[in-house]
PDB file of N, CA and C in Angstrom:
ATOM      1  N   MET A   1    -100.436 116.494-196.875  1.00  0.00           N
ATOM      2  CA  MET A   1    -100.331 115.160-196.332  1.00  0.00           C
ATOM      3  C   MET A   1    -101.645 114.806-195.628  1.00  0.00           C
ATOM      4  N   THR A   2    -102.163 113.631-195.924  1.00  0.00           N
ATOM      5  CA  THR A   2    -103.375 113.155-195.273  1.00  0.00           C
ATOM      6  C   THR A   2    -102.992 112.499-193.954  1.00  0.00           C
ATOM      7  N   ARG A   3    -103.659 112.936-192.902  1.00  0.00           N
ATOM      8  CA  ARG A   3    -103.387 112.384-191.578  1.00  0.00           C
ATOM      9  C   ARG A   3    -104.453 111.366-191.211  1.00  0.00           C
ATOM     10  N   GLN A   4    -104.018 110.316-190.562  1.00  0.00           N
ATOM     11  CA  GLN A   4    -104.964 109.349-190.034  1.00  0.00           C
ATOM     12  C   GLN A   4    -105.141 109.654-188.546  1.00  0.00           C
ATOM     13  N   TRP A   5    -106.324 110.079-188.166  1.00  0.00           N
ATOM     14  CA  TRP A   5    -106.634 110.382-186.772  1.00  0.00           C
ATOM     15  C   TRP A   5    -107.198 109.137-186.107  1.00  0.00           C
ATOM     16  N   ARG A   6    -106.767 108.926-184.869  1.00  0.00           N
ATOM     17  CA  ARG A   6    -107.163 107.714-184.145  1.00  0.00           C
ATOM     18  C   ARG A   6    -107.755 108.069-182.787  1.00  0.00           C
ATOM     19  N   LYS A   7    -108.653 107.227-182.325  1.00  0.00           N
ATOM     20  CA  LYS A   7    -109.191 107.352-180.970  1.00  0.00           C
ATOM     21  C   LYS A   7    -108.479 106.334-180.089  1.00  0.00           C
ATOM     22  N   GLY A   8    -108.584 106.524-178.790  1.00  0.00           N
ATOM     23  CA  GLY A   8    -107.943 105.599-177.867  1.00  0.00           C
ATOM     24  C   GLY A   8    -106.527 106.033-177.560  1.00  0.00           C
ATOM     25  N   PRO A   9    -105.821 105.233-176.793  1.00  0.00           N
ATOM     26  CA  PRO A   9    -104.467 105.617-176.379  1.00  0.00           C
ATOM     27  C   PRO A   9    -103.444 105.462-177.503  1.00  0.00           C
ATOM     28  N   PRO A  10    -102.461 106.354-177.547  1.00  0.00           N
ATOM     29  CA  PRO A  10    -101.368 106.189-178.504  1.00  0.00           C
ATOM     30  C   PRO A  10    -100.441 105.063-178.026  1.00  0.00           C
ATOM     31  N   PRO A  11     -99.484 104.659-178.854  1.00  0.00           N
ATOM     32  CA  PRO A  11     -98.649 103.508-178.508  1.00  0.00           C
ATOM     33  C   PRO A  11     -97.646 103.722-177.379  1.00  0.00           C
ATOM     34  N   GLU A  12     -97.395 104.976-177.006  1.00  0.00           N
ATOM     35  CA  GLU A  12     -96.428 105.216-175.928  1.00  0.00           C
ATOM     36  C   GLU A  12     -96.686 106.553-175.251  1.00  0.00           C
ATOM     37  N   ILE A  13     -96.145 106.695-174.057  1.00  0.00           N
ATOM     38  CA  ILE A  13     -96.229 107.940-173.294  1.00  0.00           C
ATOM     39  C   ILE A  13     -95.416 109.015-174.019  1.00  0.00           C
ATOM     40  N   GLY A  14     -95.903 110.248-173.971  1.00  0.00           N
ATOM     41  CA  GLY A  14     -95.154 111.350-174.564  1.00  0.00           C
ATOM     42  C   GLY A  14     -96.063 112.380-175.202  1.00  0.00           C
ATOM     43  N   TRP A  15     -95.421 113.287-175.938  1.00  0.00           N
ATOM     44  CA  TRP A  15     -96.139 114.339-176.664  1.00  0.00           C
ATOM     45  C   TRP A  15     -96.674 113.784-177.967  1.00  0.00           C
ATOM     46  N   TRP A  16     -97.940 114.130-178.262  1.00  0.00           N
ATOM     47  CA  TRP A  16     -98.589 113.688-179.496  1.00  0.00           C
ATOM     48  C   TRP A  16     -99.431 114.816-180.070  1.00  0.00           C
ATOM     49  N   PRO A  17     -99.536 114.902-181.399  1.00  0.00           N
ATOM     50  CA  PRO A  17    -100.549 115.772-181.983  1.00  0.00           C
ATOM     51  C   PRO A  17    -101.902 115.173-181.581  1.00  0.00           C
ATOM     52  N   ALA A  18    -102.653 115.886-180.800  1.00  0.00           N
ATOM     53  CA  ALA A  18    -103.912 115.352-180.278  1.00  0.00           C
ATOM     54  C   ALA A  18    -104.880 116.504-180.070  1.00  0.00           C
ATOM     55  N   SER A  19    -106.124 116.287-180.502  1.00  0.00           N
ATOM     56  CA  SER A  19    -107.056 117.388-180.541  1.00  0.00           C
ATOM     57  C   SER A  19    -108.492 116.888-180.574  1.00  0.00           C
ATOM     58  N   VAL A  20    -109.413 117.723-180.123  1.00  0.00           N
ATOM     59  CA  VAL A  20    -110.841 117.398-180.267  1.00  0.00           C
ATOM     60  C   VAL A  20    -111.351 117.840-181.638  1.00  0.00           C
ATOM     61  N   ASP A  21    -110.607 118.713-182.329  1.00  0.00           N
ATOM     62  CA  ASP A  21    -111.043 119.192-183.644  1.00  0.00           C
ATOM     63  C   ASP A  21    -110.010 118.932-184.752  1.00  0.00           C
ATOM     64  N   ARG A  22    -109.152 117.949-184.524  1.00  0.00           N
ATOM     65  CA  ARG A  22    -108.147 117.503-185.500  1.00  0.00           C
ATOM     66  C   ARG A  22    -107.179 118.608-185.930  1.00  0.00           C
ATOM     67  N   ASP A  23    -106.796 119.456-184.990  1.00  0.00           N
ATOM     68  CA  ASP A  23    -105.785 120.480-185.245  1.00  0.00           C
ATOM     69  C   ASP A  23    -104.417 119.801-185.163  1.00  0.00           C
ATOM     70  N   PRO A  24    -103.688 119.657-186.283  1.00  0.00           N
ATOM     71  CA  PRO A  24    -102.424 118.924-186.270  1.00  0.00           C
ATOM     72  C   PRO A  24    -101.311 119.613-185.483  1.00  0.00           C
ATOM     73  N   PHE A  25    -101.497 120.885-185.146  1.00  0.00           N
ATOM     74  CA  PHE A  25    -100.469 121.604-184.390  1.00  0.00           C
ATOM     75  C   PHE A  25    -100.770 121.683-182.903  1.00  0.00           C
ATOM     76  N   SER A  26    -101.912 121.173-182.502  1.00  0.00           N
ATOM     77  CA  SER A  26    -102.263 121.064-181.088  1.00  0.00           C
ATOM     78  C   SER A  26    -101.591 119.800-180.561  1.00  0.00           C
ATOM     79  N   ILE A  27    -100.693 119.958-179.608  1.00  0.00           N
ATOM     80  CA  ILE A  27    -100.020 118.794-179.039  1.00  0.00           C
ATOM     81  C   ILE A  27    -100.417 118.651-177.575  1.00  0.00           C
ATOM     82  N   ARG A  28    -100.472 117.400-177.135  1.00  0.00           N
ATOM     83  CA  ARG A  28    -100.845 117.097-175.751  1.00  0.00           C
ATOM     84  C   ARG A  28     -99.922 116.008-175.222  1.00  0.00           C
ATOM     85  N   TRP A  29     -99.741 116.033-173.916  1.00  0.00           N
ATOM     86  CA  TRP A  29     -98.964 114.996-173.244  1.00  0.00           C
ATOM     87  C   TRP A  29     -99.888 113.838-172.911  1.00  0.00           C
ATOM     88  N   TRP A  30     -99.488 112.630-173.289  1.00  0.00           N
ATOM     89  CA  TRP A  30    -100.202 111.413-172.918  1.00  0.00           C
ATOM     90  C   TRP A  30     -99.385 110.746-171.824  1.00  0.00           C
ATOM     91  N   ASP A  31     -99.979 110.586-170.629  1.00  0.00           N
ATOM     92  CA  ASP A  31     -99.232 110.020-169.500  1.00  0.00           C
ATOM     93  C   ASP A  31     -99.457 108.527-169.312  1.00  0.00           C
ATOM     94  N   GLY A  32    -100.125 107.914-170.248  1.00  0.00           N
ATOM     95  CA  GLY A  32    -100.433 106.494-170.153  1.00  0.00           C
ATOM     96  C   GLY A  32    -101.873 106.245-169.737  1.00  0.00           C
ATOM     97  N   ASN A  33    -102.516 107.287-169.179  1.00  0.00           N
ATOM     98  CA  ASN A  33    -103.909 107.181-168.747  1.00  0.00           C
ATOM     99  C   ASN A  33    -104.764 108.365-169.187  1.00  0.00           C
ATOM    100  N   PHE A  34    -104.174 109.550-169.213  1.00  0.00           N
ATOM    101  CA  PHE A  34    -104.921 110.770-169.490  1.00  0.00           C
ATOM    102  C   PHE A  34    -104.156 111.683-170.438  1.00  0.00           C
ATOM    103  N   TRP A  35    -104.918 112.491-171.174  1.00  0.00           N
ATOM    104  CA  TRP A  35    -104.361 113.557-172.004  1.00  0.00           C
ATOM    105  C   TRP A  35    -104.269 114.828-171.182  1.00  0.00           C
ATOM    106  N   SER A  36    -103.295 115.659-171.514  1.00  0.00           N
ATOM    107  CA  SER A  36    -103.141 116.967-170.872  1.00  0.00           C
ATOM    108  C   SER A  36    -103.949 118.026-171.615  1.00  0.00           C
ATOM    109  N   PHE A  37    -103.915 119.231-171.075  1.00  0.00           N
ATOM    110  CA  PHE A  37    -104.432 120.398-171.792  1.00  0.00           C
ATOM    111  C   PHE A  37    -103.594 120.559-173.064  1.00  0.00           C
ATOM    112  N   PRO A  38    -104.141 121.167-174.102  1.00  0.00           N
ATOM    113  CA  PRO A  38    -103.384 121.332-175.345  1.00  0.00           C
ATOM    114  C   PRO A  38    -102.296 122.403-175.233  1.00  0.00           C
ATOM    115  N   CYS A  39    -101.296 122.230-176.079  1.00  0.00           N
ATOM    116  CA  CYS A  39    -100.210 123.201-176.239  1.00  0.00           C
ATOM    117  C   CYS A  39     -99.992 123.388-177.732  1.00  0.00           C
ATOM    118  N   TRP A  40     -99.345 124.479-178.091  1.00  0.00           N
ATOM    119  CA  TRP A  40     -99.006 124.744-179.485  1.00  0.00           C
ATOM    120  C   TRP A  40     -97.526 125.046-179.575  1.00  0.00           C
ATOM    121  N   PRO A  41     -96.916 124.846-180.737  1.00  0.00           N
ATOM    122  CA  PRO A  41     -95.463 124.995-180.883  1.00  0.00           C
ATOM    123  C   PRO A  41     -94.903 126.337-180.410  1.00  0.00           C
ATOM    124  N   GLU A  42     -95.703 127.391-180.448  1.00  0.00           N
ATOM    125  CA  GLU A  42     -95.172 128.700-180.038  1.00  0.00           C
ATOM    126  C   GLU A  42     -95.116 128.882-178.523  1.00  0.00           C
ATOM    127  N   TYR A  43     -95.661 127.954-177.770  1.00  0.00           N
ATOM    128  CA  TYR A  43     -95.609 128.057-176.307  1.00  0.00           C
ATOM    129  C   TYR A  43     -94.175 127.847-175.825  1.00  0.00           C
ATOM    130  N   THR A  44     -93.820 128.502-174.749  1.00  0.00           N
ATOM    131  CA  THR A  44     -92.498 128.269-174.169  1.00  0.00           C
ATOM    132  C   THR A  44     -92.472 126.889-173.529  1.00  0.00           C
ATOM    133  N   LYS A  45     -91.281 126.382-173.302  1.00  0.00           N
ATOM    134  CA  LYS A  45     -91.187 125.060-172.674  1.00  0.00           C
ATOM    135  C   LYS A  45     -91.730 125.087-171.251  1.00  0.00           C
ATOM    136  N   GLU A  46     -91.650 126.226-170.593  1.00  0.00           N
ATOM    137  CA  GLU A  46     -92.191 126.344-169.236  1.00  0.00           C
ATOM    138  C   GLU A  46     -93.721 126.253-169.236  1.00  0.00           C
ATOM    139  N   VAL A  47     -94.344 126.936-170.183  1.00  0.00           N
ATOM    140  CA  VAL A  47     -95.807 126.888-170.294  1.00  0.00           C
ATOM    141  C   VAL A  47     -96.245 125.471-170.679  1.00  0.00           C
ATOM    142  N   ALA A  48     -95.561 124.869-171.643  1.00  0.00           N
ATOM    143  CA  ALA A  48     -95.909 123.513-172.062  1.00  0.00           C
ATOM    144  C   ALA A  48     -95.753 122.522-170.915  1.00  0.00           C
ATOM    145  N   ALA A  49     -94.690 122.650-170.148  1.00  0.00           N
ATOM    146  CA  ALA A  49     -94.483 121.744-169.011  1.00  0.00           C
ATOM    147  C   ALA A  49     -95.587 121.895-167.976  1.00  0.00           C
ATOM    148  N   ALA A  50     -96.015 123.124-167.724  1.00  0.00           N
ATOM    149  CA  ALA A  50     -97.093 123.359-166.758  1.00  0.00           C
ATOM    150  C   ALA A  50     -98.405 122.777-167.274  1.00  0.00           C
ATOM    151  N   ARG A  51     -98.699 122.977-168.535  1.00  0.00           N
ATOM    152  CA  ARG A  51     -99.957 122.473-169.102  1.00  0.00           C
ATOM    153  C   ARG A  51     -99.960 120.943-169.188  1.00  0.00           C
ATOM    154  N   ALA A  52     -98.782 120.338-169.328  1.00  0.00           N
ATOM    155  CA  ALA A  52     -98.690 118.880-169.390  1.00  0.00           C
ATOM    156  C   ALA A  52     -99.137 118.219-168.091  1.00  0.00           C
ATOM    157  N   THR A  53     -99.136 118.967-167.010  1.00  0.00           N
ATOM    158  CA  THR A  53     -99.537 118.409-165.713  1.00  0.00           C
ATOM    159  C   THR A  53    -101.031 118.522-165.453  1.00  0.00           C
ATOM    160  N   ILE A  54    -101.763 119.207-166.339  1.00  0.00           N
ATOM    161  CA  ILE A  54    -103.203 119.415-166.145  1.00  0.00           C
ATOM    162  C   ILE A  54    -103.969 118.426-167.019  1.00  0.00           C
ATOM    163  N   ARG A  55    -104.753 117.570-166.391  1.00  0.00           N
ATOM    164  CA  ARG A  55    -105.545 116.591-167.136  1.00  0.00           C
ATOM    165  C   ARG A  55    -106.689 117.265-167.882  1.00  0.00           C
ATOM    166  N   SER A  56    -106.879 116.844-169.120  1.00  0.00           N
ATOM    167  CA  SER A  56    -107.983 117.361-169.915  1.00  0.00           C
ATOM    168  C   SER A  56    -109.278 116.677-169.496  1.00  0.00           C
ATOM    169  N   GLY A  57    -110.344 117.442-169.432  1.00  0.00           N
ATOM    170  CA  GLY A  57    -111.654 116.878-169.138  1.00  0.00           C
ATOM    171  C   GLY A  57    -112.305 116.264-170.363  1.00  0.00           C
ATOM    172  N   ALA A  58    -111.679 116.434-171.524  1.00  0.00           N
ATOM    173  CA  ALA A  58    -112.272 115.967-172.785  1.00  0.00           C
ATOM    174  C   ALA A  58    -111.563 114.732-173.323  1.00  0.00           C
ATOM    175  N   SER A  59    -110.897 113.977-172.465  1.00  0.00           N
ATOM    176  CA  SER A  59    -110.065 112.864-172.940  1.00  0.00           C
ATOM    177  C   SER A  59    -110.791 111.898-173.866  1.00  0.00           C
ATOM    178  N   SER A  60    -112.055 111.626-173.630  1.00  0.00           N
ATOM    179  CA  SER A  60    -112.767 110.664-174.475  1.00  0.00           C
ATOM    180  C   SER A  60    -113.018 111.202-175.886  1.00  0.00           C
ATOM    181  N   ALA A  61    -112.991 112.512-176.062  1.00  0.00           N
ATOM    182  CA  ALA A  61    -113.236 113.119-177.375  1.00  0.00           C
ATOM    183  C   ALA A  61    -111.949 113.413-178.144  1.00  0.00           C
ATOM    184  N   ILE A  62    -110.806 113.215-177.522  1.00  0.00           N
ATOM    185  CA  ILE A  62    -109.525 113.564-178.143  1.00  0.00           C
ATOM    186  C   ILE A  62    -109.080 112.464-179.094  1.00  0.00           C
ATOM    187  N   GLU A  63    -108.651 112.897-180.275  1.00  0.00           N
ATOM    188  CA  GLU A  63    -108.062 111.998-181.255  1.00  0.00           C
ATOM    189  C   GLU A  63    -106.596 112.373-181.415  1.00  0.00           C
ATOM    190  N   TRP A  64    -105.781 111.432-181.821  1.00  0.00           N
ATOM    191  CA  TRP A  64    -104.351 111.685-182.005  1.00  0.00           C
ATOM    192  C   TRP A  64    -103.921 111.204-183.382  1.00  0.00           C
ATOM    193  N   THR A  65    -102.772 111.707-183.806  1.00  0.00           N
ATOM    194  CA  THR A  65    -102.220 111.320-185.104  1.00  0.00           C
ATOM    195  C   THR A  65    -100.702 111.207-184.982  1.00  0.00           C
ATOM    196  N   ALA A  66    -100.052 110.820-186.064  1.00  0.00           N
ATOM    197  CA  ALA A  66     -98.597 110.637-186.053  1.00  0.00           C
ATOM    198  C   ALA A  66     -97.885 111.939-185.717  1.00  0.00           C
ATOM    199  N   ARG A  67     -96.758 111.807-185.090  1.00  0.00           N
ATOM    200  CA  ARG A  67     -95.929 112.970-184.723  1.00  0.00           C
ATOM    201  C   ARG A  67     -95.329 113.577-185.994  1.00  0.00           C
ATOM    202  N   TRP A  68     -95.630 114.849-186.222  1.00  0.00           N
ATOM    203  CA  TRP A  68     -95.146 115.513-187.433  1.00  0.00           C
ATOM    204  C   TRP A  68     -93.702 115.963-187.316  1.00  0.00           C
ATOM    205  N   TRP A  69     -93.146 115.960-186.127  1.00  0.00           N
ATOM    206  CA  TRP A  69     -91.782 116.449-185.927  1.00  0.00           C
ATOM    207  C   TRP A  69     -90.739 115.344-186.007  1.00  0.00           C
ATOM    208  N   LEU A  70     -91.157 114.100-186.236  1.00  0.00           N
ATOM    209  CA  LEU A  70     -90.188 113.010-186.352  1.00  0.00           C
ATOM    210  C   LEU A  70     -89.858 112.721-187.804  1.00  0.00           C
TER     211      LEU A  70
END
């Protein structure tokens, strides 16, 4: 499947496939203003929740794509 990667904010707050190197399995929390540190599907929900609270310093370089789990 060909993915369309986009810059800028996604259409809503939540988890999105988002990456600086277009890794479709790297997911990040978008809080409406900032991206979080990346997470991967094998992370526990506790680790993912903790990482979702840490703002990424690379927000301007992050691209996002459609959610593959929907």
